All heavy atoms as atom14 arrays in JSON, in Angstrom:
{
  "sequence": "TDDEIATAINALIDVRGGISVAEGNAVDVLPLPIAGLMSDRD",
  "atom14_mask": [
    [1, 1, 1, 1, 1, 1, 1, 0, 0, 0, 0, 0, 0, 0],
    [1, 1, 1, 1, 1, 1, 1, 1, 0, 0, 0, 0, 0, 0],
    [1, 1, 1, 1, 1, 1, 1, 1, 0, 0, 0, 0, 0, 0],
    [1, 1, 1, 1, 1, 1, 1, 1, 1, 0, 0, 0, 0, 0],
    [1, 1, 1, 1, 1, 1, 1, 1, 0, 0, 0, 0, 0, 0],
    [1, 1, 1, 1, 1, 0, 0, 0, 0, 0, 0, 0, 0, 0],
    [1, 1, 1, 1, 1, 1, 1, 0, 0, 0, 0, 0, 0, 0],
    [1, 1, 1, 1, 1, 0, 0, 0, 0, 0, 0, 0, 0, 0],
    [1, 1, 1, 1, 1, 1, 1, 1, 0, 0, 0, 0, 0, 0],
    [1, 1, 1, 1, 1, 1, 1, 1, 0, 0, 0, 0, 0, 0],
    [1, 1, 1, 1, 1, 0, 0, 0, 0, 0, 0, 0, 0, 0],
    [1, 1, 1, 1, 1, 1, 1, 1, 0, 0, 0, 0, 0, 0],
    [1, 1, 1, 1, 1, 1, 1, 1, 0, 0, 0, 0, 0, 0],
    [1, 1, 1, 1, 1, 1, 1, 1, 0, 0, 0, 0, 0, 0],
    [1, 1, 1, 1, 1, 1, 1, 0, 0, 0, 0, 0, 0, 0],
    [1, 1, 1, 1, 1, 1, 1, 1, 1, 1, 1, 0, 0, 0],
    [1, 1, 1, 1, 0, 0, 0, 0, 0, 0, 0, 0, 0, 0],
    [1, 1, 1, 1, 0, 0, 0, 0, 0, 0, 0, 0, 0, 0],
    [1, 1, 1, 1, 1, 1, 1, 1, 0, 0, 0, 0, 0, 0],
    [1, 1, 1, 1, 1, 1, 0, 0, 0, 0, 0, 0, 0, 0],
    [1, 1, 1, 1, 1, 1, 1, 0, 0, 0, 0, 0, 0, 0],
    [1, 1, 1, 1, 1, 0, 0, 0, 0, 0, 0, 0, 0, 0],
    [1, 1, 1, 1, 1, 1, 1, 1, 1, 0, 0, 0, 0, 0],
    [1, 1, 1, 1, 0, 0, 0, 0, 0, 0, 0, 0, 0, 0],
    [1, 1, 1, 1, 1, 1, 1, 1, 0, 0, 0, 0, 0, 0],
    [1, 1, 1, 1, 1, 0, 0, 0, 0, 0, 0, 0, 0, 0],
    [1, 1, 1, 1, 1, 1, 1, 0, 0, 0, 0, 0, 0, 0],
    [1, 1, 1, 1, 1, 1, 1, 1, 0, 0, 0, 0, 0, 0],
    [1, 1, 1, 1, 1, 1, 1, 0, 0, 0, 0, 0, 0, 0],
    [1, 1, 1, 1, 1, 1, 1, 1, 0, 0, 0, 0, 0, 0],
    [1, 1, 1, 1, 1, 1, 1, 0, 0, 0, 0, 0, 0, 0],
    [1, 1, 1, 1, 1, 1, 1, 1, 0, 0, 0, 0, 0, 0],
    [1, 1, 1, 1, 1, 1, 1, 0, 0, 0, 0, 0, 0, 0],
    [1, 1, 1, 1, 1, 1, 1, 1, 0, 0, 0, 0, 0, 0],
    [1, 1, 1, 1, 1, 0, 0, 0, 0, 0, 0, 0, 0, 0],
    [1, 1, 1, 1, 0, 0, 0, 0, 0, 0, 0, 0, 0, 0],
    [1, 1, 1, 1, 1, 1, 1, 1, 0, 0, 0, 0, 0, 0],
    [1, 1, 1, 1, 1, 1, 1, 1, 0, 0, 0, 0, 0, 0],
    [1, 1, 1, 1, 1, 1, 0, 0, 0, 0, 0, 0, 0, 0],
    [1, 1, 1, 1, 1, 1, 1, 1, 0, 0, 0, 0, 0, 0],
    [1, 1, 1, 1, 1, 1, 1, 1, 1, 1, 1, 0, 0, 0],
    [1, 1, 1, 1, 1, 1, 1, 1, 0, 0, 0, 0, 0, 0]
  ],
  "atom14_positions": [
    [[-52.08, 20.21, 6.0], [-52.1, 20.01, 4.56], [-53.4, 20.26, 3.98], [-54.45, 20.18, 4.61], [-51.66, 18.58, 4.11], [-52.78, 17.71, 4.58], [-50.35, 18.08, 4.82], [0.0, 0.0, 0.0], [0.0, 0.0, 0.0], [0.0, 0.0, 0.0], [0.0, 0.0, 0.0], [0.0, 0.0, 0.0], [0.0, 0.0, 0.0], [0.0, 0.0, 0.0]],
    [[-53.47, 20.69, 2.65], [-54.74, 20.95, 2.09], [-55.61, 19.77, 1.99], [-56.84, 19.86, 2.1], [-54.49, 21.49, 0.69], [-53.81, 22.93, 0.56], [-53.8, 23.54, 1.7], [-53.35, 23.35, -0.46], [0.0, 0.0, 0.0], [0.0, 0.0, 0.0], [0.0, 0.0, 0.0], [0.0, 0.0, 0.0], [0.0, 0.0, 0.0], [0.0, 0.0, 0.0]],
    [[-54.88, 18.47, 1.67], [-55.68, 17.32, 1.73], [-56.38, 17.02, 3.0], [-57.66, 16.56, 3.01], [-54.8, 16.19, 1.24], [-54.47, 16.17, -0.1], [-54.95, 16.85, -1.03], [-53.4, 15.45, -0.57], [0.0, 0.0, 0.0], [0.0, 0.0, 0.0], [0.0, 0.0, 0.0], [0.0, 0.0, 0.0], [0.0, 0.0, 0.0], [0.0, 0.0, 0.0]],
    [[-55.8, 17.24, 4.18], [-56.43, 16.96, 5.36], [-57.31, 17.98, 5.66], [-58.51, 17.51, 6.3], [-55.28, 16.82, 6.47], [-54.36, 15.67, 6.31], [-53.13, 15.67, 7.22], [-52.58, 16.79, 7.25], [-52.76, 14.67, 7.81], [0.0, 0.0, 0.0], [0.0, 0.0, 0.0], [0.0, 0.0, 0.0], [0.0, 0.0, 0.0], [0.0, 0.0, 0.0]],
    [[-57.2, 19.13, 5.39], [-58.24, 20.22, 5.57], [-59.54, 19.88, 4.73], [-60.62, 19.94, 5.31], [-57.73, 21.54, 5.14], [-56.64, 22.08, 6.19], [-58.87, 22.64, 5.22], [-55.96, 23.34, 5.81], [0.0, 0.0, 0.0], [0.0, 0.0, 0.0], [0.0, 0.0, 0.0], [0.0, 0.0, 0.0], [0.0, 0.0, 0.0], [0.0, 0.0, 0.0]],
    [[-59.34, 19.47, 3.48], [-60.47, 19.08, 2.65], [-61.21, 17.8, 3.31], [-62.49, 17.8, 3.31], [-60.05, 18.78, 1.31], [0.0, 0.0, 0.0], [0.0, 0.0, 0.0], [0.0, 0.0, 0.0], [0.0, 0.0, 0.0], [0.0, 0.0, 0.0], [0.0, 0.0, 0.0], [0.0, 0.0, 0.0], [0.0, 0.0, 0.0], [0.0, 0.0, 0.0]],
    [[-60.32, 16.82, 3.81], [-61.09, 15.71, 4.39], [-61.8, 16.01, 5.61], [-63.01, 15.52, 5.79], [-59.91, 14.66, 4.83], [-59.25, 14.26, 3.67], [-60.58, 13.43, 5.61], [0.0, 0.0, 0.0], [0.0, 0.0, 0.0], [0.0, 0.0, 0.0], [0.0, 0.0, 0.0], [0.0, 0.0, 0.0], [0.0, 0.0, 0.0], [0.0, 0.0, 0.0]],
    [[-61.47, 16.93, 6.54], [-62.1, 17.33, 7.61], [-63.38, 18.1, 7.34], [-64.47, 17.85, 7.88], [-61.12, 18.14, 8.65], [0.0, 0.0, 0.0], [0.0, 0.0, 0.0], [0.0, 0.0, 0.0], [0.0, 0.0, 0.0], [0.0, 0.0, 0.0], [0.0, 0.0, 0.0], [0.0, 0.0, 0.0], [0.0, 0.0, 0.0], [0.0, 0.0, 0.0]],
    [[-63.28, 18.98, 6.37], [-64.41, 19.89, 5.95], [-65.5, 18.91, 5.26], [-66.74, 19.07, 5.57], [-63.91, 21.02, 5.01], [-63.31, 22.1, 5.98], [-65.16, 21.6, 4.37], [-62.77, 23.2, 5.09], [0.0, 0.0, 0.0], [0.0, 0.0, 0.0], [0.0, 0.0, 0.0], [0.0, 0.0, 0.0], [0.0, 0.0, 0.0], [0.0, 0.0, 0.0]],
    [[-64.97, 18.11, 4.39], [-65.93, 17.22, 3.52], [-66.72, 16.15, 4.47], [-67.82, 16.06, 4.31], [-65.34, 16.53, 2.42], [-64.84, 17.54, 1.4], [-65.49, 18.6, 1.14], [-63.92, 17.1, 0.59], [0.0, 0.0, 0.0], [0.0, 0.0, 0.0], [0.0, 0.0, 0.0], [0.0, 0.0, 0.0], [0.0, 0.0, 0.0], [0.0, 0.0, 0.0]],
    [[-66.12, 15.83, 5.64], [-66.83, 14.97, 6.51], [-67.95, 15.76, 7.18], [-68.95, 15.08, 7.41], [-65.81, 14.5, 7.55], [0.0, 0.0, 0.0], [0.0, 0.0, 0.0], [0.0, 0.0, 0.0], [0.0, 0.0, 0.0], [0.0, 0.0, 0.0], [0.0, 0.0, 0.0], [0.0, 0.0, 0.0], [0.0, 0.0, 0.0], [0.0, 0.0, 0.0]],
    [[-67.73, 16.98, 7.35], [-68.83, 17.82, 8.01], [-69.91, 18.12, 6.98], [-71.1, 18.15, 7.4], [-68.31, 19.11, 8.44], [-67.3, 19.06, 9.7], [-66.98, 20.28, 10.25], [-67.7, 18.09, 10.73], [0.0, 0.0, 0.0], [0.0, 0.0, 0.0], [0.0, 0.0, 0.0], [0.0, 0.0, 0.0], [0.0, 0.0, 0.0], [0.0, 0.0, 0.0]],
    [[-69.54, 18.17, 5.7], [-70.59, 18.51, 4.61], [-71.46, 17.23, 4.64], [-72.65, 17.33, 4.48], [-69.85, 18.81, 3.34], [-69.29, 20.25, 3.47], [-70.91, 18.79, 2.22], [-68.34, 20.59, 2.31], [0.0, 0.0, 0.0], [0.0, 0.0, 0.0], [0.0, 0.0, 0.0], [0.0, 0.0, 0.0], [0.0, 0.0, 0.0], [0.0, 0.0, 0.0]],
    [[-70.89, 15.96, 4.68], [-71.6, 14.8, 4.65], [-72.67, 14.6, 5.65], [-73.83, 14.07, 5.36], [-70.64, 13.55, 4.6], [-69.76, 13.44, 3.38], [-70.22, 14.07, 2.4], [-68.77, 12.8, 3.5], [0.0, 0.0, 0.0], [0.0, 0.0, 0.0], [0.0, 0.0, 0.0], [0.0, 0.0, 0.0], [0.0, 0.0, 0.0], [0.0, 0.0, 0.0]],
    [[-72.33, 15.12, 6.79], [-73.4, 15.1, 8.01], [-74.06, 16.36, 8.22], [-74.78, 16.42, 9.28], [-72.68, 14.54, 9.23], [-71.98, 13.16, 9.07], [-71.55, 15.49, 9.63], [0.0, 0.0, 0.0], [0.0, 0.0, 0.0], [0.0, 0.0, 0.0], [0.0, 0.0, 0.0], [0.0, 0.0, 0.0], [0.0, 0.0, 0.0], [0.0, 0.0, 0.0]],
    [[-73.8, 17.36, 7.46], [-74.49, 18.58, 7.53], [-74.22, 19.32, 8.89], [-75.1, 19.78, 9.52], [-76.04, 18.52, 7.38], [-76.38, 18.0, 5.91], [-77.98, 17.64, 5.84], [-78.74, 18.91, 6.01], [-79.01, 19.79, 5.07], [-78.48, 19.59, 3.88], [-79.84, 20.73, 5.33], [0.0, 0.0, 0.0], [0.0, 0.0, 0.0], [0.0, 0.0, 0.0]],
    [[-72.95, 19.24, 9.22], [-72.44, 20.11, 10.35], [-72.07, 19.21, 11.47], [-72.5, 18.13, 11.75], [0.0, 0.0, 0.0], [0.0, 0.0, 0.0], [0.0, 0.0, 0.0], [0.0, 0.0, 0.0], [0.0, 0.0, 0.0], [0.0, 0.0, 0.0], [0.0, 0.0, 0.0], [0.0, 0.0, 0.0], [0.0, 0.0, 0.0], [0.0, 0.0, 0.0]],
    [[-71.02, 19.77, 12.29], [-70.51, 19.11, 13.41], [-69.02, 19.54, 13.67], [-68.68, 20.64, 13.23], [0.0, 0.0, 0.0], [0.0, 0.0, 0.0], [0.0, 0.0, 0.0], [0.0, 0.0, 0.0], [0.0, 0.0, 0.0], [0.0, 0.0, 0.0], [0.0, 0.0, 0.0], [0.0, 0.0, 0.0], [0.0, 0.0, 0.0], [0.0, 0.0, 0.0]],
    [[-68.31, 18.62, 14.32], [-66.91, 18.92, 14.47], [-66.16, 17.65, 13.99], [-66.67, 16.48, 14.08], [-66.44, 19.18, 16.02], [-66.8, 18.09, 16.81], [-67.21, 20.6, 16.44], [-66.26, 18.36, 18.26], [0.0, 0.0, 0.0], [0.0, 0.0, 0.0], [0.0, 0.0, 0.0], [0.0, 0.0, 0.0], [0.0, 0.0, 0.0], [0.0, 0.0, 0.0]],
    [[-64.86, 17.77, 13.52], [-64.19, 16.64, 12.97], [-62.67, 16.78, 13.19], [-62.22, 17.82, 13.27], [-64.35, 16.61, 11.47], [-63.93, 17.66, 10.7], [0.0, 0.0, 0.0], [0.0, 0.0, 0.0], [0.0, 0.0, 0.0], [0.0, 0.0, 0.0], [0.0, 0.0, 0.0], [0.0, 0.0, 0.0], [0.0, 0.0, 0.0], [0.0, 0.0, 0.0]],
    [[-61.98, 15.6, 13.26], [-60.59, 15.55, 13.23], [-60.05, 14.68, 12.26], [-60.57, 13.5, 12.04], [-60.17, 14.99, 14.68], [-58.6, 14.86, 14.73], [-60.55, 15.94, 15.82], [0.0, 0.0, 0.0], [0.0, 0.0, 0.0], [0.0, 0.0, 0.0], [0.0, 0.0, 0.0], [0.0, 0.0, 0.0], [0.0, 0.0, 0.0], [0.0, 0.0, 0.0]],
    [[-59.16, 15.05, 11.34], [-58.68, 14.3, 10.12], [-57.06, 14.1, 10.45], [-56.39, 15.04, 10.76], [-59.03, 15.01, 8.88], [0.0, 0.0, 0.0], [0.0, 0.0, 0.0], [0.0, 0.0, 0.0], [0.0, 0.0, 0.0], [0.0, 0.0, 0.0], [0.0, 0.0, 0.0], [0.0, 0.0, 0.0], [0.0, 0.0, 0.0], [0.0, 0.0, 0.0]],
    [[-56.7, 12.88, 10.13], [-55.34, 12.64, 9.97], [-55.06, 11.7, 8.85], [-55.54, 10.66, 8.81], [-54.82, 11.97, 11.32], [-53.21, 11.75, 11.2], [-52.72, 11.08, 12.45], [-53.62, 10.63, 13.16], [-51.43, 11.17, 12.74], [0.0, 0.0, 0.0], [0.0, 0.0, 0.0], [0.0, 0.0, 0.0], [0.0, 0.0, 0.0], [0.0, 0.0, 0.0]],
    [[-54.33, 12.25, 7.76], [-54.3, 11.53, 6.55], [-55.68, 11.41, 5.97], [-56.28, 12.35, 5.83], [0.0, 0.0, 0.0], [0.0, 0.0, 0.0], [0.0, 0.0, 0.0], [0.0, 0.0, 0.0], [0.0, 0.0, 0.0], [0.0, 0.0, 0.0], [0.0, 0.0, 0.0], [0.0, 0.0, 0.0], [0.0, 0.0, 0.0], [0.0, 0.0, 0.0]],
    [[-56.03, 10.14, 5.58], [-57.33, 9.85, 4.9], [-58.36, 9.52, 6.04], [-59.63, 9.36, 5.73], [-57.33, 8.83, 3.91], [-56.51, 9.26, 2.77], [-56.51, 10.35, 2.29], [-55.76, 8.38, 2.21], [0.0, 0.0, 0.0], [0.0, 0.0, 0.0], [0.0, 0.0, 0.0], [0.0, 0.0, 0.0], [0.0, 0.0, 0.0], [0.0, 0.0, 0.0]],
    [[-57.88, 9.31, 7.3], [-58.85, 8.94, 8.39], [-59.45, 10.23, 8.93], [-58.89, 11.18, 9.13], [-58.02, 8.24, 9.45], [0.0, 0.0, 0.0], [0.0, 0.0, 0.0], [0.0, 0.0, 0.0], [0.0, 0.0, 0.0], [0.0, 0.0, 0.0], [0.0, 0.0, 0.0], [0.0, 0.0, 0.0], [0.0, 0.0, 0.0], [0.0, 0.0, 0.0]],
    [[-60.77, 10.12, 9.36], [-61.6, 11.18, 9.97], [-62.54, 10.71, 10.97], [-63.09, 9.72, 10.81], [-62.17, 12.04, 8.84], [-63.25, 11.2, 8.11], [-62.89, 13.37, 9.41], [0.0, 0.0, 0.0], [0.0, 0.0, 0.0], [0.0, 0.0, 0.0], [0.0, 0.0, 0.0], [0.0, 0.0, 0.0], [0.0, 0.0, 0.0], [0.0, 0.0, 0.0]],
    [[-62.57, 11.55, 12.08], [-63.54, 11.15, 13.19], [-64.47, 12.46, 13.11], [-64.06, 13.6, 13.13], [-62.95, 11.03, 14.52], [-62.17, 9.73, 14.72], [-62.56, 8.86, 13.97], [-61.2, 9.7, 15.49], [0.0, 0.0, 0.0], [0.0, 0.0, 0.0], [0.0, 0.0, 0.0], [0.0, 0.0, 0.0], [0.0, 0.0, 0.0], [0.0, 0.0, 0.0]],
    [[-65.75, 12.17, 13.38], [-66.79, 13.17, 13.27], [-67.79, 13.08, 14.49], [-68.24, 11.98, 14.8], [-67.65, 13.05, 11.92], [-68.62, 14.18, 11.8], [-66.65, 13.19, 10.75], [0.0, 0.0, 0.0], [0.0, 0.0, 0.0], [0.0, 0.0, 0.0], [0.0, 0.0, 0.0], [0.0, 0.0, 0.0], [0.0, 0.0, 0.0], [0.0, 0.0, 0.0]],
    [[-68.17, 14.24, 15.05], [-69.34, 14.31, 15.9], [-70.33, 15.13, 15.13], [-70.16, 16.29, 15.01], [-68.89, 15.01, 17.16], [-69.99, 15.44, 18.1], [-70.87, 14.23, 18.59], [-69.49, 16.24, 19.44], [0.0, 0.0, 0.0], [0.0, 0.0, 0.0], [0.0, 0.0, 0.0], [0.0, 0.0, 0.0], [0.0, 0.0, 0.0], [0.0, 0.0, 0.0]],
    [[-71.44, 14.4, 14.48], [-72.45, 15.19, 13.85], [-73.22, 16.09, 14.79], [-73.49, 15.77, 15.92], [-73.21, 14.05, 13.25], [-72.44, 12.83, 13.42], [-71.62, 13.0, 14.67], [0.0, 0.0, 0.0], [0.0, 0.0, 0.0], [0.0, 0.0, 0.0], [0.0, 0.0, 0.0], [0.0, 0.0, 0.0], [0.0, 0.0, 0.0], [0.0, 0.0, 0.0]],
    [[-73.62, 17.22, 14.24], [-74.45, 18.22, 14.94], [-75.67, 18.53, 14.09], [-75.69, 19.52, 13.39], [-73.68, 19.42, 15.44], [-72.62, 19.16, 16.37], [-71.86, 20.59, 16.67], [-73.06, 18.72, 17.8], [0.0, 0.0, 0.0], [0.0, 0.0, 0.0], [0.0, 0.0, 0.0], [0.0, 0.0, 0.0], [0.0, 0.0, 0.0], [0.0, 0.0, 0.0]],
    [[-76.62, 17.6, 14.02], [-77.71, 17.68, 12.93], [-78.6, 19.0, 13.03], [-79.2, 19.41, 12.04], [-78.44, 16.44, 13.03], [-78.24, 16.03, 14.44], [-76.76, 16.47, 14.75], [0.0, 0.0, 0.0], [0.0, 0.0, 0.0], [0.0, 0.0, 0.0], [0.0, 0.0, 0.0], [0.0, 0.0, 0.0], [0.0, 0.0, 0.0], [0.0, 0.0, 0.0]],
    [[-78.75, 19.49, 14.25], [-79.61, 20.57, 14.33], [-78.88, 21.88, 14.1], [-78.09, 22.38, 14.9], [-80.34, 20.73, 15.89], [-80.91, 19.3, 16.12], [-81.18, 21.8, 15.95], [-81.49, 19.22, 17.58], [0.0, 0.0, 0.0], [0.0, 0.0, 0.0], [0.0, 0.0, 0.0], [0.0, 0.0, 0.0], [0.0, 0.0, 0.0], [0.0, 0.0, 0.0]],
    [[-79.18, 22.54, 12.95], [-78.43, 23.79, 12.49], [-76.91, 23.53, 12.55], [-76.15, 24.66, 12.38], [-78.81, 24.89, 13.5], [0.0, 0.0, 0.0], [0.0, 0.0, 0.0], [0.0, 0.0, 0.0], [0.0, 0.0, 0.0], [0.0, 0.0, 0.0], [0.0, 0.0, 0.0], [0.0, 0.0, 0.0], [0.0, 0.0, 0.0], [0.0, 0.0, 0.0]],
    [[-76.43, 22.6, 12.39], [-74.92, 22.31, 12.6], [-74.32, 22.78, 13.88], [-73.11, 22.88, 13.91], [0.0, 0.0, 0.0], [0.0, 0.0, 0.0], [0.0, 0.0, 0.0], [0.0, 0.0, 0.0], [0.0, 0.0, 0.0], [0.0, 0.0, 0.0], [0.0, 0.0, 0.0], [0.0, 0.0, 0.0], [0.0, 0.0, 0.0], [0.0, 0.0, 0.0]],
    [[-75.21, 22.99, 14.88], [-74.79, 23.52, 16.08], [-75.04, 22.61, 17.25], [-74.4, 22.64, 18.33], [-75.36, 24.82, 16.44], [-75.15, 25.9, 15.33], [-75.91, 27.2, 15.69], [-73.71, 26.23, 15.2], [0.0, 0.0, 0.0], [0.0, 0.0, 0.0], [0.0, 0.0, 0.0], [0.0, 0.0, 0.0], [0.0, 0.0, 0.0], [0.0, 0.0, 0.0]],
    [[-76.13, 21.72, 17.15], [-76.61, 20.99, 18.35], [-76.83, 19.56, 17.95], [-77.1, 19.31, 16.7], [-77.88, 21.66, 18.88], [-77.64, 23.05, 19.54], [-79.24, 23.95, 19.91], [-79.83, 24.4, 18.29], [0.0, 0.0, 0.0], [0.0, 0.0, 0.0], [0.0, 0.0, 0.0], [0.0, 0.0, 0.0], [0.0, 0.0, 0.0], [0.0, 0.0, 0.0]],
    [[-76.95, 18.78, 18.92], [-77.19, 17.3, 18.74], [-78.65, 16.94, 19.23], [-79.04, 17.6, 20.26], [-76.13, 16.48, 19.49], [-76.46, 15.09, 19.37], [0.0, 0.0, 0.0], [0.0, 0.0, 0.0], [0.0, 0.0, 0.0], [0.0, 0.0, 0.0], [0.0, 0.0, 0.0], [0.0, 0.0, 0.0], [0.0, 0.0, 0.0], [0.0, 0.0, 0.0]],
    [[-79.14, 16.02, 18.73], [-80.5, 15.45, 19.21], [-80.3, 14.18, 20.01], [-81.23, 13.55, 20.32], [-81.43, 15.1, 17.96], [-80.84, 14.11, 17.1], [-79.56, 13.87, 17.11], [-81.54, 13.7, 16.16], [0.0, 0.0, 0.0], [0.0, 0.0, 0.0], [0.0, 0.0, 0.0], [0.0, 0.0, 0.0], [0.0, 0.0, 0.0], [0.0, 0.0, 0.0]],
    [[-78.97, 13.87, 20.37], [-78.75, 12.73, 21.18], [-78.67, 13.14, 22.64], [-78.7, 14.26, 22.97], [-77.39, 12.11, 20.82], [-77.46, 11.5, 19.31], [-76.11, 11.29, 18.71], [-75.28, 10.53, 19.66], [-73.87, 10.32, 19.58], [-73.31, 11.17, 18.53], [-73.15, 9.77, 20.3], [0.0, 0.0, 0.0], [0.0, 0.0, 0.0], [0.0, 0.0, 0.0]],
    [[-78.47, 12.13, 23.6], [-78.43, 12.34, 25.03], [-77.13, 13.12, 25.23], [-76.02, 13.0, 24.54], [-78.29, 11.02, 25.71], [-78.08, 11.19, 27.32], [-79.08, 11.5, 27.96], [-76.96, 11.1, 27.75], [0.0, 0.0, 0.0], [0.0, 0.0, 0.0], [0.0, 0.0, 0.0], [0.0, 0.0, 0.0], [0.0, 0.0, 0.0], [0.0, 0.0, 0.0]]
  ]
}
């Protein structure tokens, strides 16, 4: 759905890049703060 696509994309905009999974209004995100490609975590 367009709503779920927007939820998934906007979650990435909020963290400046990463990967996300949206279902309804719920969304899970793995932020990738370095260039939207890499993480600074372990």
